[in-house]
Protein backbone atom coordinates (compact mmCIF):
# COMPACT_ATOMS: atom_id res chain seq x y z
CA UNK A 1 144.20 -125.29 -11.26
CA UNK A 2 146.60 -126.40 -13.98
CA UNK A 3 150.10 -127.38 -12.83
CA UNK A 4 152.37 -127.72 -15.89
CA UNK A 5 155.39 -128.68 -13.75
CA UNK A 6 156.61 -128.88 -10.17
CA UNK A 7 160.08 -127.77 -11.27
CA UNK A 8 161.20 -124.29 -10.18
CA UNK A 9 164.41 -122.27 -10.72
CA UNK A 10 164.22 -120.51 -7.35
CA UNK A 11 165.35 -122.14 -4.12
CA UNK A 12 163.21 -120.58 -1.40
CA UNK A 13 164.31 -121.87 2.00
CA UNK A 14 160.80 -122.66 3.28
CA UNK A 15 159.29 -124.01 0.05
CA UNK A 16 157.27 -127.23 0.29
CA UNK A 17 155.61 -127.25 -3.15
CA UNK A 18 158.41 -127.56 -5.72
CA UNK A 19 160.63 -130.42 -6.82
CA UNK A 20 163.77 -130.62 -8.94
CA UNK A 21 162.15 -132.68 -11.66
CA UNK A 22 161.93 -132.07 -15.40
CA UNK A 23 158.42 -133.37 -16.10
CA UNK A 24 156.43 -130.91 -18.18
CA UNK A 25 152.78 -130.97 -19.22
CA UNK A 26 152.13 -131.79 -22.86
CA UNK A 27 149.62 -129.54 -24.59
CA UNK A 28 147.52 -132.65 -25.19
CA UNK A 29 146.60 -132.61 -21.48
CA UNK A 30 144.84 -129.30 -22.11
CA UNK A 31 142.67 -131.02 -24.73
CA UNK A 32 141.87 -133.75 -22.20
CA UNK A 33 140.95 -131.13 -19.58
CA UNK A 34 138.56 -129.49 -22.04
CA UNK A 35 136.94 -132.82 -22.91
CA UNK A 36 136.62 -133.70 -19.21
CA UNK A 37 135.07 -130.37 -18.23
CA UNK A 38 132.66 -130.31 -21.16
CA UNK A 39 130.59 -133.07 -19.50
CA UNK A 40 131.66 -132.64 -15.88
CA UNK A 41 129.40 -129.91 -14.48
CA UNK A 42 127.69 -126.72 -15.60
CA UNK A 43 129.51 -124.51 -13.05
CA UNK A 44 131.58 -121.52 -14.09
CA UNK A 45 135.24 -122.49 -14.28
CA UNK A 46 138.22 -120.29 -13.45
CA UNK A 47 141.66 -121.56 -14.46
CA UNK A 48 144.73 -120.83 -12.34
CA UNK A 49 148.13 -121.89 -13.65
CA UNK A 50 150.37 -122.80 -10.73
CA UNK A 51 153.52 -124.77 -9.96
CA UNK A 52 156.41 -125.23 -9.29
CA UNK A 53 157.10 -122.47 -11.76
CA UNK A 54 154.38 -122.53 -14.45
CA UNK A 55 156.21 -120.19 -16.85
CA UNK A 56 158.74 -122.97 -17.49
CA UNK A 57 156.09 -124.33 -19.86
CA UNK A 58 156.94 -121.49 -22.27
CA UNK A 59 155.16 -119.09 -24.59
CA UNK A 60 153.93 -121.65 -27.14
CA UNK A 61 152.23 -123.70 -24.39
CA UNK A 62 150.34 -120.69 -23.06
CA UNK A 63 149.43 -119.33 -26.48
CA UNK A 64 147.80 -122.64 -27.40
CA UNK A 65 146.34 -123.36 -23.96
CA UNK A 66 144.71 -119.94 -23.61
CA UNK A 67 143.30 -120.11 -27.14
CA UNK A 68 141.75 -123.51 -26.45
CA UNK A 69 140.50 -122.87 -22.90
CA UNK A 70 139.00 -119.49 -23.81
CA UNK A 71 136.48 -121.26 -26.05
CA UNK A 72 134.77 -122.96 -23.10
CA UNK A 73 131.27 -121.45 -22.80
CA UNK A 74 131.37 -121.39 -19.00
CA UNK A 75 134.80 -119.75 -18.66
CA UNK A 76 135.18 -117.38 -15.71
CA UNK A 77 138.72 -116.16 -16.36
CA UNK A 78 142.41 -116.93 -15.92
CA UNK A 79 145.02 -116.46 -13.20
CA UNK A 80 148.66 -117.42 -12.85
CA UNK A 81 150.99 -117.71 -9.84
CA UNK A 82 154.67 -117.29 -10.72
CA UNK A 83 157.95 -115.78 -9.57
CA UNK A 84 157.70 -114.00 -13.00
CA UNK A 85 161.44 -114.28 -13.78
CA UNK A 86 160.50 -115.87 -17.12
CA UNK A 87 157.75 -113.34 -17.89
CA UNK A 88 158.93 -112.16 -21.30
CA UNK A 89 157.45 -109.15 -23.09
CA UNK A 90 155.80 -111.63 -25.47
CA UNK A 91 154.11 -113.41 -22.56
CA UNK A 92 153.06 -110.09 -21.01
CA UNK A 93 151.27 -109.15 -24.23
CA UNK A 94 149.61 -112.57 -24.39
CA UNK A 95 148.40 -112.36 -20.78
CA UNK A 96 147.05 -108.85 -21.34
CA UNK A 97 145.15 -110.14 -24.37
CA UNK A 98 143.47 -112.90 -22.31
CA UNK A 99 143.06 -110.81 -19.12
CA UNK A 100 145.24 -113.17 -17.09
CA UNK A 101 145.61 -111.92 -13.51
CA UNK A 102 149.13 -112.69 -12.35
CA UNK A 103 150.25 -113.13 -8.74
CA UNK A 104 153.86 -113.26 -7.64
CA UNK A 105 155.63 -113.71 -4.34
CA UNK A 106 157.65 -111.06 -2.56
CA UNK A 107 158.32 -111.34 1.16
CA UNK A 108 158.83 -107.64 1.82
CA UNK A 109 161.93 -105.43 1.45
CA UNK A 110 164.92 -106.82 -0.41
CA UNK A 111 166.96 -107.82 2.64
CA UNK A 112 164.12 -109.81 4.22
CA UNK A 113 162.93 -111.30 0.95
CA UNK A 114 166.35 -112.46 -0.23
CA UNK A 115 167.21 -113.96 3.15
CA UNK A 116 164.16 -116.21 2.82
CA UNK A 117 163.97 -116.69 -0.94
CA UNK A 118 167.59 -116.48 -2.07
CA UNK A 119 170.04 -113.80 -3.17
CA UNK A 120 168.95 -111.97 -6.30
CA UNK A 121 165.29 -113.05 -6.06
CA UNK A 122 163.97 -109.57 -5.26
CA UNK A 123 165.70 -107.78 -8.13
CA UNK A 124 164.70 -110.38 -10.73
CA UNK A 125 161.06 -110.35 -9.69
CA UNK A 126 160.78 -106.58 -9.37
CA UNK A 127 162.39 -105.99 -12.78
CA UNK A 128 159.73 -108.10 -14.50
CA UNK A 129 157.01 -106.55 -12.34
CA UNK A 130 157.95 -103.09 -13.61
CA UNK A 131 157.93 -104.35 -17.20
CA UNK A 132 154.49 -105.91 -16.73
CA UNK A 133 153.10 -102.81 -15.03
CA UNK A 134 154.31 -100.61 -17.87
CA UNK A 135 152.42 -102.81 -20.35
CA UNK A 136 149.20 -102.82 -18.32
CA UNK A 137 149.36 -106.35 -16.89
CA UNK A 138 147.78 -106.61 -13.45
CA UNK A 139 150.04 -108.23 -10.87
CA UNK A 140 149.15 -108.96 -7.25
CA UNK A 141 151.48 -110.19 -4.54
CA UNK A 142 151.72 -113.02 -2.04
CA UNK A 143 153.59 -112.35 1.20
CA UNK A 144 154.73 -115.43 3.08
CA UNK A 145 155.30 -114.60 6.75
CA UNK A 146 157.73 -116.95 8.46
CA UNK A 147 158.97 -117.45 11.99
CA UNK A 148 161.85 -115.19 10.95
CA UNK A 149 160.03 -112.37 9.16
CA UNK A 150 157.27 -112.02 11.78
CA UNK A 151 159.71 -109.89 13.77
CA UNK A 152 159.71 -107.32 10.96
CA UNK A 153 155.94 -106.77 10.90
CA UNK A 154 156.15 -102.97 10.59
CA UNK A 155 158.72 -103.13 7.80
CA UNK A 156 156.59 -105.61 5.86
CA UNK A 157 153.43 -103.54 6.18
CA UNK A 158 155.13 -100.28 5.22
CA UNK A 159 156.80 -101.88 2.20
CA UNK A 160 153.53 -103.01 0.59
CA UNK A 161 151.71 -99.82 1.57
CA UNK A 162 154.41 -97.53 0.18
CA UNK A 163 154.74 -99.54 -3.03
CA UNK A 164 150.91 -99.67 -3.38
CA UNK A 165 151.07 -103.43 -3.87
CA UNK A 166 147.90 -105.46 -3.34
CA UNK A 167 148.69 -108.64 -1.45
CA UNK A 168 147.60 -111.85 0.20
CA UNK A 169 149.25 -113.08 3.39
CA UNK A 170 150.36 -116.70 3.71
CA UNK A 171 151.63 -118.20 6.92
CA UNK A 172 154.67 -120.40 6.26
CA UNK A 173 153.70 -124.05 6.64
CA UNK A 174 155.41 -127.27 7.58
CA UNK A 175 155.56 -129.88 4.82
CA UNK A 176 154.34 -133.34 3.93
CA UNK A 177 157.27 -133.75 1.55
CA UNK A 178 159.91 -134.23 4.23
CA UNK A 179 162.00 -131.16 3.39
CA UNK A 180 163.31 -128.34 5.56
CA UNK A 181 160.22 -126.12 5.65
CA UNK A 182 159.19 -126.93 9.22
CA UNK A 183 161.62 -124.59 11.00
CA UNK A 184 160.19 -121.63 9.07
CA UNK A 185 156.55 -122.37 9.95
CA UNK A 186 154.66 -119.51 11.61
CA UNK A 187 153.02 -120.18 14.96
CA UNK A 188 149.29 -119.52 14.99
CA UNK A 189 149.46 -117.02 17.86
CA UNK A 190 152.03 -114.99 15.93
CA UNK A 191 149.92 -115.19 12.79
CA UNK A 192 146.82 -113.97 14.63
CA UNK A 193 148.75 -111.18 16.33
CA UNK A 194 150.06 -109.95 12.97
CA UNK A 195 146.58 -109.97 11.40
CA UNK A 196 145.08 -107.96 14.28
CA UNK A 197 147.98 -105.49 14.27
CA UNK A 198 147.69 -105.02 10.54
CA UNK A 199 143.93 -104.51 10.78
CA UNK A 200 144.52 -101.54 13.10
CA UNK A 201 146.80 -99.96 10.53
CA UNK A 202 144.85 -100.99 7.45
CA UNK A 203 141.69 -99.19 8.56
CA UNK A 204 143.60 -95.95 7.94
CA UNK A 205 144.87 -97.10 4.55
CA UNK A 206 141.96 -98.71 2.66
CA UNK A 207 142.34 -96.17 -0.13
CA UNK A 208 146.05 -96.87 -0.55
CA UNK A 209 146.31 -100.64 -1.22
CA UNK A 210 144.52 -103.94 -0.56
CA UNK A 211 145.28 -106.65 1.97
CA UNK A 212 143.00 -109.26 0.46
CA UNK A 213 142.92 -111.54 3.51
CA UNK A 214 141.53 -108.74 5.69
CA UNK A 215 139.10 -107.73 2.95
CA UNK A 216 137.77 -111.29 2.73
CA UNK A 217 137.73 -111.91 6.48
CA UNK A 218 135.54 -108.84 6.90
CA UNK A 219 133.32 -109.82 3.97
CA UNK A 220 132.98 -113.34 5.36
CA UNK A 221 131.99 -112.03 8.79
CA UNK A 222 129.31 -109.79 7.27
CA UNK A 223 127.94 -112.29 4.75
CA UNK A 224 128.23 -115.30 7.11
CA UNK A 225 130.00 -117.39 4.49
CA UNK A 226 133.63 -117.79 3.47
CA UNK A 227 134.77 -115.66 0.54
CA UNK A 228 138.41 -116.84 0.49
CA UNK A 229 139.47 -120.40 -0.38
CA UNK A 230 140.96 -120.90 3.10
CA UNK A 231 137.50 -120.31 4.57
CA UNK A 232 135.35 -122.12 2.04
CA UNK A 233 134.35 -125.74 1.56
CA UNK A 234 136.72 -126.33 -1.35
CA UNK A 235 136.13 -130.08 -1.54
CA UNK A 236 134.52 -130.75 -4.88
CA UNK A 237 134.71 -127.13 -6.07
CA UNK A 238 138.48 -126.89 -6.55
CA UNK A 239 140.61 -129.34 -8.53
CA UNK A 240 144.20 -129.32 -9.71
CA UNK A 241 145.54 -131.16 -12.75
CA UNK A 242 149.20 -132.19 -12.70
CA UNK A 243 151.60 -132.53 -15.66
CA UNK A 244 150.42 -136.10 -16.41
CA UNK A 245 146.70 -135.36 -16.16
CA UNK A 246 146.29 -136.61 -12.60
CA UNK A 247 143.53 -134.82 -10.71
CA UNK A 248 144.16 -133.63 -7.15
CA UNK A 249 142.05 -131.66 -4.63
CA UNK A 250 144.37 -128.62 -4.85
CA UNK A 251 147.76 -127.59 -6.19
CA UNK A 252 149.24 -128.21 -2.74
CA UNK A 253 148.64 -131.95 -3.12
CA UNK A 254 150.08 -132.27 -6.64
CA UNK A 255 152.73 -134.98 -6.87
CA UNK A 256 151.41 -136.86 -3.82
CA UNK A 257 150.05 -140.25 -5.01
CA UNK A 258 147.80 -140.70 -1.97
CA UNK A 259 145.78 -137.67 -3.05
CA UNK A 260 145.08 -138.51 -6.68
CA UNK A 261 141.34 -138.38 -7.34
CA UNK A 262 141.50 -139.59 -10.95
CA UNK A 263 142.95 -138.65 -14.33
CA UNK A 264 141.51 -136.33 -16.98
CA UNK A 265 142.42 -138.87 -19.66
CA UNK A 266 139.79 -141.19 -18.22
CA UNK A 267 137.14 -138.44 -18.37
CA UNK A 268 135.91 -139.21 -14.82
CA UNK A 269 132.51 -138.05 -13.62
CA UNK A 270 132.04 -136.23 -10.34
CA UNK A 271 130.74 -139.47 -8.83
CA UNK A 272 133.86 -141.27 -10.06
CA UNK A 273 136.09 -138.84 -8.16
CA UNK A 274 134.05 -139.33 -5.01
CA UNK A 275 134.84 -143.07 -5.00
CA UNK A 276 138.60 -142.47 -4.73
CA UNK A 277 140.60 -143.06 -1.55
CA UNK A 278 141.74 -139.44 -1.70
CA UNK A 279 138.14 -138.22 -1.56
CA UNK A 280 137.54 -140.41 1.50
CA UNK A 281 140.43 -138.67 3.27
CA UNK A 282 139.00 -135.25 2.43
CA UNK A 283 135.57 -136.27 3.65
CA UNK A 284 137.15 -137.34 6.94
CA UNK A 285 138.37 -133.77 7.33
CA UNK A 286 134.91 -132.37 6.56
CA UNK A 287 133.20 -134.78 8.97
CA UNK A 288 135.69 -133.95 11.71
CA UNK A 289 135.11 -130.21 11.29
CA UNK A 290 131.33 -130.63 11.23
CA UNK A 291 131.45 -132.50 14.53
CA UNK A 292 134.23 -130.73 16.42
CA UNK A 293 133.69 -127.14 15.29
CA UNK A 294 129.89 -127.03 15.49
CA UNK A 295 129.95 -124.92 18.67
CA UNK A 296 132.37 -122.34 17.23
CA UNK A 297 130.64 -119.07 16.39
CA UNK A 298 132.83 -118.64 13.29
CA UNK A 299 132.41 -122.08 11.72
CA UNK A 300 129.87 -121.01 9.07
CA UNK A 301 132.41 -118.75 7.42
CA UNK A 302 135.63 -120.49 8.50
CA UNK A 303 134.76 -124.12 7.61
CA UNK A 304 137.66 -125.40 9.71
CA UNK A 305 140.23 -123.71 7.49
CA UNK A 306 142.36 -125.48 4.89
CA UNK A 307 142.35 -129.32 4.68
CA UNK A 308 145.96 -129.38 3.47
CA UNK A 309 147.09 -127.31 6.46
CA UNK A 310 145.33 -129.72 8.83
CA UNK A 311 146.75 -132.85 7.20
CA UNK A 312 150.27 -131.42 7.13
CA UNK A 313 150.25 -130.36 10.77
CA UNK A 314 148.71 -133.46 12.30
CA UNK A 315 149.43 -136.17 9.70
CA UNK A 316 145.74 -137.01 9.64
CA UNK A 317 142.67 -135.51 7.97
CA UNK A 318 140.82 -135.78 11.29
CA UNK A 319 141.93 -132.34 12.41
CA UNK A 320 141.36 -128.65 11.82
CA UNK A 321 143.69 -126.09 10.28
CA UNK A 322 146.58 -125.49 12.72
CA UNK A 323 146.05 -121.76 12.21
CA UNK A 324 142.65 -122.09 13.93
CA UNK A 325 143.69 -119.86 16.82
CA UNK A 326 144.93 -117.18 14.41
CA UNK A 327 141.63 -117.25 12.53
CA UNK A 328 139.65 -116.96 15.76
CA UNK A 329 141.75 -113.99 16.85
CA UNK A 330 141.10 -112.00 13.69
CA UNK A 331 137.45 -113.08 13.31
CA UNK A 332 136.83 -112.14 16.96
CA UNK A 333 138.40 -108.73 16.40
CA UNK A 334 136.41 -108.06 13.24
CA UNK A 335 133.16 -109.23 14.85
CA UNK A 336 133.75 -107.06 17.93
CA UNK A 337 134.35 -103.96 15.85
CA UNK A 338 131.45 -104.72 13.52
CA UNK A 339 129.03 -105.15 16.45
CA UNK A 340 130.12 -101.79 17.87
CA UNK A 341 129.53 -100.15 14.53
CA UNK A 342 126.06 -101.69 14.21
CA UNK A 343 125.26 -100.46 17.71
CA UNK A 344 126.47 -96.94 16.95
CA UNK A 345 124.41 -96.91 13.77
CA UNK A 346 121.30 -98.13 15.60
CA UNK A 347 121.57 -95.24 18.06
CA UNK A 348 122.29 -92.67 15.39
CA UNK A 349 125.92 -92.26 16.36
CA UNK A 350 127.48 -93.48 13.12
CA UNK A 351 128.61 -91.38 10.22
CA UNK A 352 129.20 -91.84 6.53
CA UNK A 353 131.30 -88.78 5.77
CA UNK A 354 134.29 -89.27 3.49
CA UNK A 355 137.45 -90.00 5.44
CA UNK A 356 140.12 -87.34 5.62
CA UNK A 357 143.84 -87.77 5.97
CA UNK A 358 144.63 -89.63 9.18
CA UNK A 359 141.07 -90.84 9.79
CA UNK A 360 140.22 -94.50 10.19
CA UNK A 361 137.73 -96.34 8.03
CA UNK A 362 135.18 -98.64 9.63
CA UNK A 363 134.98 -102.42 9.46
CA UNK A 364 131.84 -101.95 7.39
CA UNK A 365 133.86 -99.89 4.91
CA UNK A 366 136.32 -102.76 4.77
CA UNK A 367 133.63 -105.42 4.40
CA UNK A 368 132.09 -103.51 1.49
CA UNK A 369 135.41 -102.81 -0.23
CA UNK A 370 135.28 -103.67 -3.94
């Protein structure tokens, strides 16, 4: 993850990841990232530009950065998370050229979205979305469900279904930055209830749009390993580089000095990063999960959830993701349905006929989607 800036022009009420600062990554940091990765590991590398608002870095930054990064022999592609207000036609063409997959945030219909994210947000984002779509740029969506918007579950689902928008669901989180995000945080029981309710609907709509969380939860249950970053051991496989070259475990930690692993300018080895105090904190999370979740039937493909979520909620890495109950609710539901389908198949009661209008797909159909 490359974080050119934590600055952002939008003022979302529940945001915990942006700051009103003007620091901006110099293109020289991209050269340092390339030098660092050239000797770091042989793994495939996927770059995600995140923020703050990453498009504040401007066209020239991305033109040069994409040219340079695309020369890495182990490149696995590009993504970008943005409110897309600054997505000019010139940037759209550039991102199409480099196959950049863009994600943006919309919290449902205009009234709900603008209440949470600010007046005018919806129209500005949707205008650039239409421009990008017309030029062939793929854009996915992130829906943040808050303690407020949870009461509009049906409206949220129908909006994304009717607009044929592929999405990921985020539960609003409290913050380590001491701002006002806490009152918007979604309780785990409400999160789990929404996921189960949406699964019931989604099994009738797999051919209409994608709810990536439910896709990955079903895949994870079938494959017995996490296929979404929330449910994977991200420690040591995901890194984020801030505007000054500081290396963090994830974009969520950027700007927090206690979670700096190193700096790309020093060309640190993997072993160097593991000697940092920040790595010790992350390992405390992993050790806690290994000990306290070992009896959970979902732990192989849940991994205790997100370390950031755990640290935020409990102010210590010796904890599990506070959405644990929500994850158990949806994993239990998927497992129950999958076991029934295996049983039906074993006794010759299953079917593989194409689904007609109004017919539900199976969990196996969902797990094998894409």
